[in-house]
Amino acid sequence: MARRSRLFSLSALTRAYQRNLKALARAARPARPARRKAAVAPLAVPAKRPARAPGDWLPGVAPGPAGARRYHLHIPPGLALRPGEKLPLLVMLHGCGQTGRDLAAASRMHRLAARGRFLVLYPEQERVANAHGCWNWFERRSGKAAAEAATLLAAIDKVAHRHPVDPARVAVAGLSAGAGMAALMAALYPQRFCAVAVHSGAAPGTAESAATALAAMQGRRAARLPAPLMPGCPAPASPALPPLLVLHGDADGVVSVRNAAATAQLWAEALGARPGPERVQQRGQRYAMRVTEFKVRGRAVVVLREVLGLGHAWSGGAAHRPYSDPAGPDASALIWAFAARQFGRSEV
């Protein structure tokens, strides 16, 4: 598409966002069952507030450089702590057009939290910060991206101060725009996270503004890592990046799957990891995956999973939820298994 001088105008950006969000909704819409008329009625008006998962769903607000951000902390039901016990924390960042509750309903991460004994934090993007509820991972030139990352870190710190969180066992994961923000947070604050998982997101460093974000999502921008935000500490002495899991559908019409390989390669190069042979995995009737592991001294520090036939949706998510495809491999289980390995836990 030819470049136009009005690309950077507010009206052009608004139209671009609207087109992209329409494509996002179409790509993520679950497939209709054969008996279509019977299924239309309950799906026509989806619930604005998904039913709460069993357990505590504690609200909170954290102030930060980007302003205040709301969040909900999920605590599994019947959680009895042993004396002095601290629990892992998984931070889940929603995508555009979603809320934290939407991502919780689609991913059903609470089921794993009950079995694995960990807490789940769902931060919430404010519509005044982004009209479509997207995390501003791309606004690096203006400083908005870094400010939001710092604000999300403030939310993590507030939760860790008030609840029994083990600061040495914190992981962050995200979908779409949430994936972009998760990667940015892990790159800016590598010492704060043991693991990061990005699902259907653009590669790090591929956008500096809203205008360049669209090209980045199409896989037409070069990936690069932002420098860690560590005042007084030179980049060469900064901590190594945390291990990374990349999940992406090869039928994604919103964020090109090219971003997945670019993200994995960039992260692996920073960690000095080498790729192993690609293999294909499939469980039952779920979509198959192309899997590549990048290892350092025999340890997989980057894992790339490209899901064959998956669009822009949470793989293996709940049926009849936006941005969720139940036919895919269980992304929630894969993310927790990956994070738990980094925590040194045996149970998954």
Protein backbone atom coordinates (compact mmCIF):
# COMPACT_ATOMS: atom_id res chain seq x y z
CA MET A 1 0.00 0.00 0.00
CA ALA A 2 1.42 3.41 -1.01
CA ARG A 3 2.41 5.77 1.76
CA ARG A 4 0.21 8.83 2.17
CA SER A 5 1.16 12.07 3.81
CA ARG A 6 -1.96 11.95 5.98
CA LEU A 7 -0.93 8.62 7.56
CA PHE A 8 0.28 10.38 10.65
CA SER A 9 -2.84 12.49 11.11
CA LEU A 10 -5.23 11.72 13.93
CA SER A 11 -8.13 10.93 11.58
CA ALA A 12 -6.06 8.47 9.56
CA LEU A 13 -4.86 6.72 12.70
CA THR A 14 -8.41 6.47 13.96
CA ARG A 15 -9.55 4.84 10.74
CA ALA A 16 -6.58 2.47 10.83
CA TYR A 17 -7.40 1.40 14.39
CA GLN A 18 -11.02 0.82 13.48
CA ARG A 19 -10.09 -1.34 10.50
CA ASN A 20 -7.62 -3.30 12.56
CA LEU A 21 -10.06 -3.92 15.39
CA LYS A 22 -12.69 -5.14 12.94
CA ALA A 23 -10.13 -7.55 11.53
CA LEU A 24 -9.24 -8.60 15.07
CA ALA A 25 -12.86 -9.42 15.85
CA ARG A 26 -13.33 -11.37 12.62
CA ALA A 27 -10.12 -13.36 13.04
CA ALA A 28 -10.80 -14.22 16.66
CA ARG A 29 -14.47 -15.11 16.31
CA PRO A 30 -15.02 -18.78 17.25
CA ALA A 31 -16.29 -21.10 14.54
CA ARG A 32 -20.08 -21.59 14.53
CA PRO A 33 -21.44 -25.06 15.16
CA ALA A 34 -23.34 -26.87 12.39
CA ARG A 35 -26.78 -26.04 13.81
CA ARG A 36 -26.26 -22.34 13.44
CA LYS A 37 -29.71 -21.00 14.34
CA ALA A 38 -29.70 -22.73 17.70
CA ALA A 39 -26.32 -21.19 18.54
CA VAL A 40 -27.00 -17.61 17.46
CA ALA A 41 -29.30 -16.60 20.30
CA PRO A 42 -26.93 -17.15 23.26
CA LEU A 43 -23.95 -15.76 21.33
CA ALA A 44 -25.64 -12.66 19.97
CA VAL A 45 -25.27 -10.69 23.22
CA PRO A 46 -22.20 -11.94 25.07
CA ALA A 47 -22.07 -11.24 28.78
CA LYS A 48 -20.15 -8.05 29.52
CA ARG A 49 -18.93 -9.47 32.79
CA PRO A 50 -17.87 -13.13 32.71
CA ALA A 51 -18.85 -15.22 35.69
CA ARG A 52 -16.30 -15.11 38.44
CA ALA A 53 -14.01 -18.06 38.88
CA PRO A 54 -14.22 -19.84 42.23
CA GLY A 55 -12.02 -18.18 44.83
CA ASP A 56 -11.32 -14.58 45.72
CA TRP A 57 -11.28 -11.90 43.03
CA LEU A 58 -9.75 -8.93 44.81
CA PRO A 59 -9.90 -5.47 43.18
CA GLY A 60 -7.21 -2.86 43.51
CA VAL A 61 -5.73 0.30 42.01
CA ALA A 62 -2.04 1.04 41.52
CA PRO A 63 -0.72 4.55 40.75
CA GLY A 64 2.29 4.96 38.50
CA PRO A 65 3.97 7.15 35.86
CA ALA A 66 1.15 6.42 33.38
CA GLY A 67 -1.52 7.25 35.96
CA ALA A 68 -3.59 4.81 37.99
CA ARG A 69 -4.44 1.35 36.66
CA ARG A 70 -7.02 -1.00 38.12
CA TYR A 71 -6.39 -4.67 38.60
CA HIS A 72 -7.94 -7.84 39.99
CA LEU A 73 -6.02 -10.48 41.88
CA HIS A 74 -7.29 -14.04 41.73
CA ILE A 75 -6.63 -16.18 44.81
CA PRO A 76 -7.59 -19.85 44.39
CA PRO A 77 -10.34 -21.19 46.67
CA GLY A 78 -9.41 -22.99 49.86
CA LEU A 79 -5.80 -21.86 49.71
CA ALA A 80 -4.19 -22.71 53.05
CA LEU A 81 -0.69 -21.35 53.40
CA ARG A 82 2.01 -23.20 55.23
CA PRO A 83 3.97 -21.15 57.80
CA GLY A 84 6.14 -18.63 55.98
CA GLU A 85 5.02 -19.82 52.55
CA LYS A 86 5.23 -17.45 49.60
CA LEU A 87 3.45 -18.20 46.34
CA PRO A 88 4.32 -17.64 42.66
CA LEU A 89 2.56 -14.84 40.81
CA LEU A 90 1.50 -14.95 37.16
CA VAL A 91 0.65 -11.60 35.59
CA MET A 92 -1.84 -11.86 32.69
CA LEU A 93 -2.18 -8.93 30.26
CA HIS A 94 -5.30 -8.80 28.09
CA GLY A 95 -5.46 -7.82 24.43
CA CYS A 96 -7.28 -5.04 22.57
CA GLY A 97 -11.03 -5.06 22.98
CA GLN A 98 -10.70 -7.18 26.12
CA THR A 99 -10.73 -6.71 29.86
CA GLY A 100 -8.91 -8.67 32.51
CA ARG A 101 -12.13 -10.56 33.21
CA ASP A 102 -12.44 -11.46 29.53
CA LEU A 103 -8.95 -12.92 29.48
CA ALA A 104 -9.63 -14.79 32.71
CA ALA A 105 -12.80 -16.29 31.23
CA ALA A 106 -11.11 -17.28 27.98
CA SER A 107 -7.86 -18.64 29.43
CA ARG A 108 -9.37 -20.28 32.53
CA MET A 109 -6.01 -19.83 34.21
CA HIS A 110 -7.80 -20.06 37.58
CA ARG A 111 -8.14 -23.83 37.12
CA LEU A 112 -4.39 -24.20 36.95
CA ALA A 113 -3.89 -21.72 39.79
CA ALA A 114 -5.96 -23.93 42.10
CA ARG A 115 -3.89 -27.01 41.24
CA GLY A 116 -0.50 -25.30 41.03
CA ARG A 117 -0.93 -23.03 44.08
CA PHE A 118 -0.19 -19.68 42.49
CA LEU A 119 -1.83 -16.26 42.30
CA VAL A 120 -2.97 -14.58 39.08
CA LEU A 121 -2.92 -10.83 38.55
CA TYR A 122 -5.10 -9.27 35.84
CA PRO A 123 -4.24 -5.59 35.29
CA GLU A 124 -6.75 -3.45 33.41
CA GLN A 125 -6.03 -0.89 30.72
CA GLU A 126 -8.02 2.32 31.04
CA ARG A 127 -10.03 3.48 28.02
CA VAL A 128 -8.83 7.05 28.58
CA ALA A 129 -5.30 5.75 27.94
CA ASN A 130 -6.34 3.79 24.85
CA ALA A 131 -9.83 3.96 23.37
CA HIS A 132 -9.74 0.28 22.38
CA GLY A 133 -8.33 -1.00 25.65
CA CYS A 134 -4.93 -1.81 24.11
CA TRP A 135 -1.77 -1.63 26.16
CA ASN A 136 0.38 1.04 24.49
CA TRP A 137 3.39 -1.23 23.86
CA PHE A 138 4.12 0.66 20.62
CA GLU A 139 4.26 4.20 22.04
CA ARG A 140 7.98 4.12 22.78
CA ARG A 141 8.86 7.39 21.07
CA SER A 142 6.46 9.35 23.31
CA GLY A 143 7.52 7.46 26.44
CA LYS A 144 3.98 6.20 27.04
CA ALA A 145 5.02 2.54 26.64
CA ALA A 146 7.74 2.78 29.27
CA ALA A 147 5.39 4.66 31.60
CA GLU A 148 2.75 1.94 31.34
CA ALA A 149 5.36 -0.76 31.93
CA ALA A 150 6.49 1.04 35.08
CA THR A 151 2.88 1.42 36.23
CA LEU A 152 2.25 -2.28 35.75
CA LEU A 153 5.37 -2.99 37.75
CA ALA A 154 3.98 -0.77 40.50
CA ALA A 155 0.82 -2.90 40.51
CA ILE A 156 2.94 -6.04 40.91
CA ASP A 157 4.84 -4.44 43.78
CA LYS A 158 1.62 -3.40 45.52
CA VAL A 159 0.19 -6.92 45.26
CA ALA A 160 3.45 -8.46 46.46
CA HIS A 161 3.50 -6.11 49.45
CA ARG A 162 -0.07 -6.97 50.50
CA HIS A 163 -0.16 -10.68 49.70
CA PRO A 164 2.16 -13.68 50.15
CA VAL A 165 3.95 -13.35 46.81
CA ASP A 166 7.42 -14.77 46.25
CA PRO A 167 9.27 -11.99 44.38
CA ALA A 168 11.69 -14.57 43.01
CA ARG A 169 8.84 -16.40 41.26
CA VAL A 170 7.01 -13.86 39.15
CA ALA A 171 6.13 -14.45 35.49
CA VAL A 172 4.29 -12.29 32.96
CA ALA A 173 2.19 -13.38 29.98
CA GLY A 174 0.00 -11.55 27.50
CA LEU A 175 -2.21 -11.85 24.45
CA SER A 176 -1.84 -9.59 21.40
CA ALA A 177 -1.22 -6.05 22.74
CA GLY A 178 -0.75 -7.67 26.14
CA ALA A 179 1.97 -9.83 24.61
CA GLY A 180 3.72 -6.73 23.31
CA MET A 181 3.61 -5.18 26.77
CA ALA A 182 4.75 -8.41 28.45
CA ALA A 183 7.82 -8.58 26.20
CA LEU A 184 8.54 -4.90 26.84
CA MET A 185 8.31 -5.33 30.61
CA ALA A 186 10.62 -8.36 30.55
CA ALA A 187 13.14 -6.47 28.43
CA LEU A 188 13.03 -3.32 30.56
CA TYR A 189 13.01 -5.11 33.92
CA PRO A 190 14.68 -8.49 33.28
CA GLN A 191 15.66 -8.88 36.92
CA ARG A 192 12.00 -8.86 38.00
CA PHE A 193 10.70 -11.84 36.02
CA CYS A 194 11.60 -15.52 35.96
CA ALA A 195 9.67 -16.19 32.77
CA VAL A 196 7.71 -14.40 30.06
CA ALA A 197 5.14 -15.76 27.59
CA VAL A 198 3.88 -13.88 24.53
CA HIS A 199 0.79 -15.08 22.66
CA SER A 200 0.04 -13.61 19.22
CA GLY A 201 2.03 -10.43 19.74
CA ALA A 202 4.25 -8.21 17.62
CA ALA A 203 8.00 -8.61 17.95
CA PRO A 204 9.78 -6.37 20.49
CA GLY A 205 11.03 -2.99 19.34
CA THR A 206 9.19 -3.08 16.02
CA ALA A 207 7.14 0.07 16.64
CA GLU A 208 7.74 3.51 18.10
CA SER A 209 4.28 4.99 17.51
CA ALA A 210 0.72 4.13 16.56
CA ALA A 211 1.54 4.63 12.90
CA THR A 212 4.43 2.16 12.92
CA ALA A 213 2.47 -0.36 15.01
CA LEU A 214 0.35 -1.42 12.04
CA ALA A 215 3.43 -2.24 9.96
CA ALA A 216 4.94 -4.04 12.95
CA MET A 217 1.85 -6.21 13.34
CA GLN A 218 2.16 -7.18 9.68
CA GLY A 219 5.74 -8.31 10.29
CA ARG A 220 7.26 -5.54 8.18
CA ARG A 221 9.48 -3.94 10.84
CA ALA A 222 12.83 -5.06 12.21
CA ALA A 223 12.85 -6.35 15.79
CA ARG A 224 15.22 -5.02 18.44
CA LEU A 225 15.42 -5.07 22.21
CA PRO A 226 15.00 -1.86 24.22
CA ALA A 227 17.70 -1.11 26.76
CA PRO A 228 16.89 -2.17 30.35
CA LEU A 229 15.66 0.62 32.60
CA MET A 230 18.32 0.33 35.25
CA PRO A 231 19.57 3.80 36.31
CA GLY A 232 23.32 3.89 36.77
CA CYS A 233 23.84 0.39 35.41
CA PRO A 234 25.42 0.04 31.94
CA ALA A 235 23.68 -2.25 29.48
CA PRO A 236 26.45 -4.92 29.35
CA ALA A 237 26.14 -5.46 33.12
CA SER A 238 22.35 -5.75 33.12
CA PRO A 239 20.74 -9.08 34.03
CA ALA A 240 20.07 -11.63 31.32
CA LEU A 241 16.63 -11.72 29.81
CA PRO A 242 14.20 -14.19 31.42
CA PRO A 243 13.31 -17.37 29.52
CA LEU A 244 10.67 -16.83 26.86
CA LEU A 245 7.75 -18.86 25.47
CA VAL A 246 6.30 -17.70 22.14
CA LEU A 247 2.84 -18.89 21.02
CA HIS A 248 1.35 -17.82 17.70
CA GLY A 249 -1.17 -19.12 15.17
CA ASP A 250 0.01 -19.46 11.59
CA ALA A 251 -3.49 -18.42 10.41
CA ASP A 252 -3.39 -15.15 12.37
CA GLY A 253 -4.82 -12.40 10.15
CA VAL A 254 -4.27 -9.60 12.66
CA VAL A 255 -0.66 -10.05 13.83
CA SER A 256 1.50 -11.88 11.31
CA VAL A 257 3.08 -15.13 12.48
CA ARG A 258 6.38 -13.74 11.18
CA ASN A 259 6.54 -11.86 14.47
CA ALA A 260 6.81 -15.14 16.39
CA ALA A 261 10.01 -16.29 14.74
CA ALA A 262 11.46 -12.77 14.91
CA THR A 263 10.76 -12.57 18.65
CA ALA A 264 12.24 -15.99 19.37
CA GLN A 265 15.35 -15.33 17.29
CA LEU A 266 15.95 -11.91 18.84
CA TRP A 267 15.56 -13.24 22.39
CA ALA A 268 17.72 -16.29 21.69
CA GLU A 269 20.54 -14.18 20.26
CA ALA A 270 20.51 -12.00 23.37
CA LEU A 271 20.80 -15.12 25.54
CA GLY A 272 23.38 -16.83 23.35
CA ALA A 273 21.01 -19.72 22.63
CA ARG A 274 21.13 -21.96 19.58
CA PRO A 275 18.06 -23.45 17.87
CA GLY A 276 17.43 -27.17 17.88
CA PRO A 277 15.59 -29.09 15.17
CA GLU A 278 11.99 -28.17 14.45
CA ARG A 279 9.47 -30.83 15.39
CA VAL A 280 5.71 -31.18 15.09
CA GLN A 281 3.51 -31.98 18.10
CA GLN A 282 -0.18 -32.81 18.20
CA ARG A 283 -2.43 -34.05 20.97
CA GLY A 284 -5.68 -35.72 19.98
CA GLN A 285 -7.78 -33.63 17.61
CA ARG A 286 -6.28 -30.30 18.62
CA TYR A 287 -4.30 -28.20 16.14
CA ALA A 288 -0.75 -29.36 15.61
CA MET A 289 2.26 -27.21 16.58
CA ARG A 290 5.67 -26.57 15.05
CA VAL A 291 8.03 -26.43 18.00
CA THR A 292 11.59 -25.08 18.09
CA GLU A 293 13.67 -24.90 21.27
CA PHE A 294 16.65 -22.58 21.65
CA LYS A 295 19.08 -23.90 24.23
CA VAL A 296 22.06 -22.80 26.29
CA ARG A 297 24.11 -25.63 27.77
CA GLY A 298 21.25 -28.04 27.25
CA ARG A 299 18.60 -25.82 28.83
CA ALA A 300 15.74 -24.45 26.71
CA VAL A 301 15.60 -20.70 27.36
CA VAL A 302 13.41 -19.83 24.38
CA VAL A 303 10.60 -22.02 23.06
CA LEU A 304 8.74 -21.17 19.85
CA ARG A 305 5.34 -22.81 19.30
CA GLU A 306 3.57 -22.01 16.03
CA VAL A 307 0.03 -23.41 16.09
CA LEU A 308 -1.15 -24.66 12.70
CA GLY A 309 -4.57 -23.30 11.78
CA LEU A 310 -4.97 -20.98 14.78
CA GLY A 311 -6.13 -17.42 14.15
CA HIS A 312 -5.80 -14.42 16.45
CA ALA A 313 -7.15 -16.12 19.56
CA TRP A 314 -6.13 -17.71 22.85
CA SER A 315 -5.21 -21.27 21.96
CA GLY A 316 -7.28 -23.90 23.76
CA GLY A 317 -9.43 -21.27 25.40
CA ALA A 318 -13.04 -21.48 26.49
CA ALA A 319 -15.67 -22.04 23.82
CA HIS A 320 -17.96 -19.19 22.75
CA ARG A 321 -15.65 -16.51 24.13
CA PRO A 322 -14.21 -13.72 21.96
CA TYR A 323 -10.52 -14.10 21.06
CA SER A 324 -10.58 -17.75 22.13
CA ASP A 325 -10.28 -20.98 20.10
CA PRO A 326 -10.96 -24.22 22.01
CA ALA A 327 -9.55 -26.33 19.15
CA GLY A 328 -5.99 -25.20 19.80
CA PRO A 329 -3.44 -26.67 22.23
CA ASP A 330 -3.99 -25.49 25.81
CA ALA A 331 -1.98 -22.25 25.94
CA SER A 332 -2.69 -21.79 29.65
CA ALA A 333 -1.23 -25.19 30.51
CA LEU A 334 1.78 -24.57 28.25
CA ILE A 335 2.44 -21.17 29.84
CA TRP A 336 2.19 -22.43 33.40
CA ALA A 337 4.32 -25.49 32.65
CA PHE A 338 6.99 -23.25 31.13
CA ALA A 339 6.90 -20.80 34.04
CA ALA A 340 6.92 -23.55 36.67
CA ARG A 341 10.06 -25.04 35.13
CA GLN A 342 11.79 -21.72 35.55
CA PHE A 343 10.60 -21.50 39.14
CA GLY A 344 12.20 -24.87 39.83
CA ARG A 345 8.83 -26.37 40.75
CA SER A 346 8.11 -30.02 40.09
CA GLU A 347 4.34 -29.73 40.08
CA VAL A 348 2.52 -28.25 37.09
